[in-house]
Every structure is written in C-alpha cells, then in structure tokens.
Amino acid sequence: MTVHLDIPESVARSLRLAEVEPRLRAELAVALYAQGILSFGKANELAGLSRTAFANLLTERDVHRHYTEEDLAQDRSYARRQ
C-alpha cells in the first residue's frame, strides 16, 4: 500500500526547506518511532536514511532506541548477510 499525503502549498512554502519531502519523511519517522508506532527498521525505511544516519538522527533528537524482537531479527538477518 502506498499513501500519498497532500501538503498545502502555503504550508510547504512556510517550511523554508530546499527538499520538503525527505525532511517530512524523516520527521514523521522520528515521531512515529518515538511514540512506539513504528519499529526502528520500519521508521528507518520511512525516513529513507541508512540505519546509522537514522540512529544518529534519533540521538540528535534525544529519542531513546527501543529494541524489539523485530529489531533483533532484522539485526540478525543483516549480520548473516555480511
């Protein structure tokens, strides 16, 4: 499923960002992760950042990392590929 979110032009202009979509994706990912709505892996996917870059972004925002069973499974899968 793909969700498209229409941001009013006046709101987009008031953000004063060169690249609105990537920034909004990252902001949404951080907020949903902080609330426990998305796992680290899925929030990272939404943000479109590397795992390290997303972890650094969470640190910058003082959002503590939740480590779920799904996160452990993803880390194990990643480690096996290396």
PDB file of N, CA and C in Angstrom:
ATOM      1  N   MET A   1       0.842  -1.166   0.000  1.00  0.00           N
ATOM      2  CA  MET A   1       0.000   0.000   0.000  1.00  0.00           C
ATOM      3  C   MET A   1       0.894   1.239   0.000  1.00  0.00           C
ATOM      4  N   THR A   2       0.538   2.186  -0.790  1.00  0.00           N
ATOM      5  CA  THR A   2       1.228   3.460  -0.823  1.00  0.00           C
ATOM      6  C   THR A   2       0.252   4.538  -0.384  1.00  0.00           C
ATOM      7  N   VAL A   3       0.709   5.406   0.490  1.00  0.00           N
ATOM      8  CA  VAL A   3      -0.118   6.506   0.972  1.00  0.00           C
ATOM      9  C   VAL A   3       0.479   7.802   0.453  1.00  0.00           C
ATOM     10  N   HIS A   4      -0.361   8.629  -0.108  1.00  0.00           N
ATOM     11  CA  HIS A   4       0.069   9.941  -0.581  1.00  0.00           C
ATOM     12  C   HIS A   4      -0.562  10.985   0.320  1.00  0.00           C
ATOM     13  N   LEU A   5       0.256  11.898   0.769  1.00  0.00           N
ATOM     14  CA  LEU A   5      -0.201  12.957   1.654  1.00  0.00           C
ATOM     15  C   LEU A   5      -0.039  14.285   0.937  1.00  0.00           C
ATOM     16  N   ASP A   6      -1.132  14.994   0.771  1.00  0.00           N
ATOM     17  CA  ASP A   6      -1.081  16.302   0.125  1.00  0.00           C
ATOM     18  C   ASP A   6      -0.838  17.371   1.176  1.00  0.00           C
ATOM     19  N   ILE A   7       0.253  18.099   1.005  1.00  0.00           N
ATOM     20  CA  ILE A   7       0.599  19.200   1.891  1.00  0.00           C
ATOM     21  C   ILE A   7       0.228  20.492   1.165  1.00  0.00           C
ATOM     22  N   PRO A   8      -0.598  21.324   1.788  1.00  0.00           N
ATOM     23  CA  PRO A   8      -0.945  22.581   1.118  1.00  0.00           C
ATOM     24  C   PRO A   8       0.313  23.370   0.746  1.00  0.00           C
ATOM     25  N   GLU A   9       0.271  23.979  -0.409  1.00  0.00           N
ATOM     26  CA  GLU A   9       1.412  24.738  -0.911  1.00  0.00           C
ATOM     27  C   GLU A   9       1.856  25.806   0.084  1.00  0.00           C
ATOM     28  N   SER A  10       0.899  26.458   0.721  1.00  0.00           N
ATOM     29  CA  SER A  10       1.255  27.512   1.682  1.00  0.00           C
ATOM     30  C   SER A  10       2.034  26.935   2.861  1.00  0.00           C
ATOM     31  N   VAL A  11       1.702  25.718   3.279  1.00  0.00           N
ATOM     32  CA  VAL A  11       2.431  25.073   4.372  1.00  0.00           C
ATOM     33  C   VAL A  11       3.826  24.683   3.896  1.00  0.00           C
ATOM     34  N   ALA A  12       3.913  24.093   2.724  1.00  0.00           N
ATOM     35  CA  ALA A  12       5.211  23.681   2.172  1.00  0.00           C
ATOM     36  C   ALA A  12       6.149  24.875   2.037  1.00  0.00           C
ATOM     37  N   ARG A  13       5.619  26.004   1.559  1.00  0.00           N
ATOM     38  CA  ARG A  13       6.448  27.211   1.419  1.00  0.00           C
ATOM     39  C   ARG A  13       6.900  27.733   2.776  1.00  0.00           C
ATOM     40  N   SER A  14       6.043  27.642   3.772  1.00  0.00           N
ATOM     41  CA  SER A  14       6.394  28.180   5.086  1.00  0.00           C
ATOM     42  C   SER A  14       7.456  27.337   5.791  1.00  0.00           C
ATOM     43  N   LEU A  15       7.680  26.112   5.324  1.00  0.00           N
ATOM     44  CA  LEU A  15       8.705  25.264   5.911  1.00  0.00           C
ATOM     45  C   LEU A  15      10.106  25.768   5.601  1.00  0.00           C
ATOM     46  N   ARG A  16      10.261  26.496   4.526  1.00  0.00           N
ATOM     47  CA  ARG A  16      11.548  27.064   4.119  1.00  0.00           C
ATOM     48  C   ARG A  16      12.644  26.012   4.026  1.00  0.00           C
ATOM     49  N   LEU A  17      12.305  24.900   3.412  1.00  0.00           N
ATOM     50  CA  LEU A  17      13.265  23.818   3.228  1.00  0.00           C
ATOM     51  C   LEU A  17      13.512  23.617   1.747  1.00  0.00           C
ATOM     52  N   ALA A  18      14.750  23.302   1.400  1.00  0.00           N
ATOM     53  CA  ALA A  18      15.080  23.053  -0.003  1.00  0.00           C
ATOM     54  C   ALA A  18      14.400  21.776  -0.477  1.00  0.00           C
ATOM     55  N   GLU A  19      14.437  20.753   0.343  1.00  0.00           N
ATOM     56  CA  GLU A  19      13.833  19.472  -0.016  1.00  0.00           C
ATOM     57  C   GLU A  19      12.797  19.116   1.047  1.00  0.00           C
ATOM     58  N   VAL A  20      11.547  19.399   0.747  1.00  0.00           N
ATOM     59  CA  VAL A  20      10.476  19.222   1.721  1.00  0.00           C
ATOM     60  C   VAL A  20      10.189  17.742   1.991  1.00  0.00           C
ATOM     61  N   GLU A  21      10.019  16.943   0.952  1.00  0.00           N
ATOM     62  CA  GLU A  21       9.594  15.553   1.157  1.00  0.00           C
ATOM     63  C   GLU A  21      10.556  14.740   2.020  1.00  0.00           C
ATOM     64  N   PRO A  22      11.873  14.740   1.732  1.00  0.00           N
ATOM     65  CA  PRO A  22      12.769  13.947   2.584  1.00  0.00           C
ATOM     66  C   PRO A  22      12.744  14.393   4.045  1.00  0.00           C
ATOM     67  N   ARG A  23      12.648  15.682   4.267  1.00  0.00           N
ATOM     68  CA  ARG A  23      12.620  16.193   5.641  1.00  0.00           C
ATOM     69  C   ARG A  23      11.339  15.776   6.352  1.00  0.00           C
ATOM     70  N   LEU A  24      10.200  15.870   5.656  1.00  0.00           N
ATOM     71  CA  LEU A  24       8.939  15.469   6.265  1.00  0.00           C
ATOM     72  C   LEU A  24       8.905  13.971   6.541  1.00  0.00           C
ATOM     73  N   ARG A  25       9.467  13.181   5.637  1.00  0.00           N
ATOM     74  CA  ARG A  25       9.535  11.735   5.857  1.00  0.00           C
ATOM     75  C   ARG A  25      10.364  11.423   7.106  1.00  0.00           C
ATOM     76  N   ALA A  26      11.491  12.108   7.250  1.00  0.00           N
ATOM     77  CA  ALA A  26      12.345  11.888   8.416  1.00  0.00           C
ATOM     78  C   ALA A  26      11.636  12.325   9.693  1.00  0.00           C
ATOM     79  N   GLU A  27      10.977  13.480   9.662  1.00  0.00           N
ATOM     80  CA  GLU A  27      10.269  13.976  10.836  1.00  0.00           C
ATOM     81  C   GLU A  27       9.144  13.022  11.242  1.00  0.00           C
ATOM     82  N   LEU A  28       8.406  12.527  10.257  1.00  0.00           N
ATOM     83  CA  LEU A  28       7.324  11.591  10.541  1.00  0.00           C
ATOM     84  C   LEU A  28       7.882  10.292  11.102  1.00  0.00           C
ATOM     85  N   ALA A  29       8.969   9.819  10.530  1.00  0.00           N
ATOM     86  CA  ALA A  29       9.589   8.581  11.006  1.00  0.00           C
ATOM     87  C   ALA A  29      10.043   8.709  12.453  1.00  0.00           C
ATOM     88  N   VAL A  30      10.685   9.814  12.801  1.00  0.00           N
ATOM     89  CA  VAL A  30      11.147  10.036  14.176  1.00  0.00           C
ATOM     90  C   VAL A  30       9.952  10.079  15.127  1.00  0.00           C
ATOM     91  N   ALA A  31       8.919  10.812  14.755  1.00  0.00           N
ATOM     92  CA  ALA A  31       7.741  10.945  15.624  1.00  0.00           C
ATOM     93  C   ALA A  31       7.050   9.603  15.833  1.00  0.00           C
ATOM     94  N   LEU A  32       6.873   8.840  14.767  1.00  0.00           N
ATOM     95  CA  LEU A  32       6.196   7.544  14.894  1.00  0.00           C
ATOM     96  C   LEU A  32       7.043   6.546  15.667  1.00  0.00           C
ATOM     97  N   TYR A  33       8.349   6.610  15.496  1.00  0.00           N
ATOM     98  CA  TYR A  33       9.227   5.728  16.260  1.00  0.00           C
ATOM     99  C   TYR A  33       9.198   6.100  17.744  1.00  0.00           C
ATOM    100  N   ALA A  34       9.277   7.385  18.046  1.00  0.00           N
ATOM    101  CA  ALA A  34       9.288   7.851  19.433  1.00  0.00           C
ATOM    102  C   ALA A  34       8.012   7.448  20.166  1.00  0.00           C
ATOM    103  N   GLN A  35       6.901   7.382  19.439  1.00  0.00           N
ATOM    104  CA  GLN A  35       5.623   7.005  20.036  1.00  0.00           C
ATOM    105  C   GLN A  35       5.426   5.490  20.086  1.00  0.00           C
ATOM    106  N   GLY A  36       6.371   4.742  19.540  1.00  0.00           N
ATOM    107  CA  GLY A  36       6.266   3.285  19.548  1.00  0.00           C
ATOM    108  C   GLY A  36       5.320   2.739  18.495  1.00  0.00           C
ATOM    109  N   ILE A  37       4.980   3.557  17.518  1.00  0.00           N
ATOM    110  CA  ILE A  37       4.059   3.137  16.462  1.00  0.00           C
ATOM    111  C   ILE A  37       4.799   2.345  15.388  1.00  0.00           C
ATOM    112  N   LEU A  38       6.033   2.727  15.101  1.00  0.00           N
ATOM    113  CA  LEU A  38       6.861   2.012  14.124  1.00  0.00           C
ATOM    114  C   LEU A  38       8.106   1.471  14.800  1.00  0.00           C
ATOM    115  N   SER A  39       8.550   0.313  14.327  1.00  0.00           N
ATOM    116  CA  SER A  39       9.821  -0.242  14.786  1.00  0.00           C
ATOM    117  C   SER A  39      10.957   0.598  14.200  1.00  0.00           C
ATOM    118  N   PHE A  40      12.149   0.374  14.710  1.00  0.00           N
ATOM    119  CA  PHE A  40      13.314   1.089  14.197  1.00  0.00           C
ATOM    120  C   PHE A  40      13.473   0.833  12.695  1.00  0.00           C
ATOM    121  N   GLY A  41      13.380  -0.417  12.296  1.00  0.00           N
ATOM    122  CA  GLY A  41      13.571  -0.770  10.884  1.00  0.00           C
ATOM    123  C   GLY A  41      12.561  -0.108   9.968  1.00  0.00           C
ATOM    124  N   LYS A  42      11.297  -0.119  10.375  1.00  0.00           N
ATOM    125  CA  LYS A  42      10.253   0.480   9.538  1.00  0.00           C
ATOM    126  C   LYS A  42      10.350   2.005   9.551  1.00  0.00           C
ATOM    127  N   ALA A  43      10.687   2.591  10.684  1.00  0.00           N
ATOM    128  CA  ALA A  43      10.860   4.046  10.742  1.00  0.00           C
ATOM    129  C   ALA A  43      12.052   4.460   9.890  1.00  0.00           C
ATOM    130  N   ASN A  44      13.106   3.664   9.954  1.00  0.00           N
ATOM    131  CA  ASN A  44      14.283   3.909   9.143  1.00  0.00           C
ATOM    132  C   ASN A  44      13.931   3.841   7.655  1.00  0.00           C
ATOM    133  N   GLU A  45      13.129   2.847   7.295  1.00  0.00           N
ATOM    134  CA  GLU A  45      12.684   2.700   5.901  1.00  0.00           C
ATOM    135  C   GLU A  45      11.873   3.920   5.468  1.00  0.00           C
ATOM    136  N   LEU A  46      10.968   4.372   6.327  1.00  0.00           N
ATOM    137  CA  LEU A  46      10.162   5.554   6.015  1.00  0.00           C
ATOM    138  C   LEU A  46      11.046   6.784   5.844  1.00  0.00           C
ATOM    139  N   ALA A  47      12.025   6.937   6.703  1.00  0.00           N
ATOM    140  CA  ALA A  47      12.914   8.102   6.637  1.00  0.00           C
ATOM    141  C   ALA A  47      13.788   8.084   5.388  1.00  0.00           C
ATOM    142  N   GLY A  48      14.048   6.890   4.867  1.00  0.00           N
ATOM    143  CA  GLY A  48      14.895   6.795   3.677  1.00  0.00           C
ATOM    144  C   GLY A  48      16.360   7.062   3.978  1.00  0.00           C
ATOM    145  N   LEU A  49      16.762   6.785   5.206  1.00  0.00           N
ATOM    146  CA  LEU A  49      18.146   7.002   5.624  1.00  0.00           C
ATOM    147  C   LEU A  49      18.821   5.670   5.889  1.00  0.00           C
ATOM    148  N   SER A  50      20.136   5.673   5.970  1.00  0.00           N
ATOM    149  CA  SER A  50      20.847   4.471   6.393  1.00  0.00           C
ATOM    150  C   SER A  50      20.510   4.232   7.854  1.00  0.00           C
ATOM    151  N   ARG A  51      20.744   3.010   8.324  1.00  0.00           N
ATOM    152  CA  ARG A  51      20.469   2.695   9.727  1.00  0.00           C
ATOM    153  C   ARG A  51      21.292   3.599  10.658  1.00  0.00           C
ATOM    154  N   THR A  52      22.532   3.816  10.282  1.00  0.00           N
ATOM    155  CA  THR A  52      23.405   4.662  11.098  1.00  0.00           C
ATOM    156  C   THR A  52      22.913   6.105  11.101  1.00  0.00           C
ATOM    157  N   ALA A  53      22.544   6.626   9.940  1.00  0.00           N
ATOM    158  CA  ALA A  53      22.071   8.011   9.858  1.00  0.00           C
ATOM    159  C   ALA A  53      20.777   8.194  10.648  1.00  0.00           C
ATOM    160  N   PHE A  54      19.882   7.189  10.587  1.00  0.00           N
ATOM    161  CA  PHE A  54      18.628   7.301  11.338  1.00  0.00           C
ATOM    162  C   PHE A  54      18.906   7.223  12.840  1.00  0.00           C
ATOM    163  N   ALA A  55      19.799   6.331  13.245  1.00  0.00           N
ATOM    164  CA  ALA A  55      20.170   6.232  14.657  1.00  0.00           C
ATOM    165  C   ALA A  55      20.770   7.549  15.143  1.00  0.00           C
ATOM    166  N   ASN A  56      21.596   8.166  14.320  1.00  0.00           N
ATOM    167  CA  ASN A  56      22.183   9.461  14.676  1.00  0.00           C
ATOM    168  C   ASN A  56      21.113  10.546  14.797  1.00  0.00           C
ATOM    169  N   LEU A  57      20.130  10.512  13.900  1.00  0.00           N
ATOM    170  CA  LEU A  57      19.032  11.472  13.959  1.00  0.00           C
ATOM    171  C   LEU A  57      18.246  11.306  15.260  1.00  0.00           C
ATOM    172  N   LEU A  58      17.990  10.059  15.661  1.00  0.00           N
ATOM    173  CA  LEU A  58      17.297   9.815  16.926  1.00  0.00           C
ATOM    174  C   LEU A  58      18.110  10.360  18.097  1.00  0.00           C
ATOM    175  N   THR A  59      19.415  10.160  18.050  1.00  0.00           N
ATOM    176  CA  THR A  59      20.287  10.669  19.105  1.00  0.00           C
ATOM    177  C   THR A  59      20.227  12.193  19.164  1.00  0.00           C
ATOM    178  N   GLU A  60      20.280  12.835  18.006  1.00  0.00           N
ATOM    179  CA  GLU A  60      20.199  14.300  17.941  1.00  0.00           C
ATOM    180  C   GLU A  60      18.894  14.807  18.552  1.00  0.00           C
ATOM    181  N   ARG A  61      17.831  14.045  18.375  1.00  0.00           N
ATOM    182  CA  ARG A  61      16.509  14.449  18.878  1.00  0.00           C
ATOM    183  C   ARG A  61      16.249  13.933  20.295  1.00  0.00           C
ATOM    184  N   ASP A  62      17.237  13.274  20.888  1.00  0.00           N
ATOM    185  CA  ASP A  62      17.123  12.718  22.234  1.00  0.00           C
ATOM    186  C   ASP A  62      15.982  11.703  22.334  1.00  0.00           C
ATOM    187  N   VAL A  63      15.825  10.909  21.282  1.00  0.00           N
ATOM    188  CA  VAL A  63      14.839   9.824  21.261  1.00  0.00           C
ATOM    189  C   VAL A  63      15.586   8.539  21.561  1.00  0.00           C
ATOM    190  N   HIS A  64      15.217   7.881  22.631  1.00  0.00           N
ATOM    191  CA  HIS A  64      15.888   6.654  23.038  1.00  0.00           C
ATOM    192  C   HIS A  64      15.446   5.488  22.175  1.00  0.00           C
ATOM    193  N   ARG A  65      16.384   4.630  21.882  1.00  0.00           N
ATOM    194  CA  ARG A  65      16.124   3.485  20.996  1.00  0.00           C
ATOM    195  C   ARG A  65      15.362   2.393  21.724  1.00  0.00           C
ATOM    196  N   HIS A  66      14.262   1.953  21.123  1.00  0.00           N
ATOM    197  CA  HIS A  66      13.513   0.795  21.599  1.00  0.00           C
ATOM    198  C   HIS A  66      14.095  -0.399  20.859  1.00  0.00           C
ATOM    199  N   TYR A  67      14.297  -1.478  21.520  1.00  0.00           N
ATOM    200  CA  TYR A  67      14.867  -2.640  20.845  1.00  0.00           C
ATOM    201  C   TYR A  67      13.882  -3.787  20.989  1.00  0.00           C
ATOM    202  N   THR A  68      13.164  -4.059  19.899  1.00  0.00           N
ATOM    203  CA  THR A  68      12.106  -5.068  19.910  1.00  0.00           C
ATOM    204  C   THR A  68      12.623  -6.387  19.339  1.00  0.00           C
ATOM    205  N   GLU A  69      11.785  -7.399  19.440  1.00  0.00           N
ATOM    206  CA  GLU A  69      12.108  -8.694  18.831  1.00  0.00           C
ATOM    207  C   GLU A  69      12.290  -8.545  17.319  1.00  0.00           C
ATOM    208  N   GLU A  70      11.478  -7.701  16.704  1.00  0.00           N
ATOM    209  CA  GLU A  70      11.605  -7.470  15.260  1.00  0.00           C
ATOM    210  C   GLU A  70      12.960  -6.834  14.945  1.00  0.00           C
ATOM    211  N   ASP A  71      13.393  -5.902  15.772  1.00  0.00           N
ATOM    212  CA  ASP A  71      14.704  -5.276  15.583  1.00  0.00           C
ATOM    213  C   ASP A  71      15.816  -6.316  15.681  1.00  0.00           C
ATOM    214  N   LEU A  72      15.701  -7.191  16.673  1.00  0.00           N
ATOM    215  CA  LEU A  72      16.699  -8.244  16.848  1.00  0.00           C
ATOM    216  C   LEU A  72      16.739  -9.146  15.618  1.00  0.00           C
ATOM    217  N   ALA A  73      15.585  -9.517  15.103  1.00  0.00           N
ATOM    218  CA  ALA A  73      15.521 -10.367  13.911  1.00  0.00           C
ATOM    219  C   ALA A  73      16.151  -9.668  12.710  1.00  0.00           C
ATOM    220  N   GLN A  74      15.878  -8.375  12.558  1.00  0.00           N
ATOM    221  CA  GLN A  74      16.464  -7.623  11.444  1.00  0.00           C
ATOM    222  C   GLN A  74      17.973  -7.529  11.593  1.00  0.00           C
ATOM    223  N   ASP A  75      18.453  -7.304  12.815  1.00  0.00           N
ATOM    224  CA  ASP A  75      19.893  -7.228  13.042  1.00  0.00           C
ATOM    225  C   ASP A  75      20.566  -8.559  12.755  1.00  0.00           C
ATOM    226  N   ARG A  76      19.934  -9.646  13.174  1.00  0.00           N
ATOM    227  CA  ARG A  76      20.496 -10.974  12.893  1.00  0.00           C
ATOM    228  C   ARG A  76      20.530 -11.248  11.398  1.00  0.00           C
ATOM    229  N   SER A  77      19.484 -10.899  10.721  1.00  0.00           N
ATOM    230  CA  SER A  77      19.423 -11.088   9.268  1.00  0.00           C
ATOM    231  C   SER A  77      20.513 -10.279   8.586  1.00  0.00           C
ATOM    232  N   TYR A  78      20.692  -9.041   9.013  1.00  0.00           N
ATOM    233  CA  TYR A  78      21.718  -8.171   8.447  1.00  0.00           C
ATOM    234  C   TYR A  78      23.112  -8.762   8.707  1.00  0.00           C
ATOM    235  N   ALA A  79      23.332  -9.259   9.921  1.00  0.00           N
ATOM    236  CA  ALA A  79      24.638  -9.808  10.285  1.00  0.00           C
ATOM    237  C   ALA A  79      24.963 -11.040   9.450  1.00  0.00           C
ATOM    238  N   ARG A  80      23.957 -11.843   9.149  1.00  0.00           N
ATOM    239  CA  ARG A  80      24.181 -13.059   8.350  1.00  0.00           C
ATOM    240  C   ARG A  80      24.597 -12.715   6.917  1.00  0.00           C
ATOM    241  N   ARG A  81      24.120 -11.586   6.409  1.00  0.00           N
ATOM    242  CA  ARG A  81      24.445 -11.193   5.033  1.00  0.00           C
ATOM    243  C   ARG A  81      25.853 -10.640   4.921  1.00  0.00           C
ATOM    244  N   GLN A  82      26.438 -10.215   6.025  1.00  0.00           N
ATOM    245  CA  GLN A  82      27.760  -9.588   5.995  1.00  0.00           C
ATOM    246  C   GLN A  82      28.860 -10.590   5.969  1.00  0.00           C
TER     247      GLN A  82
END
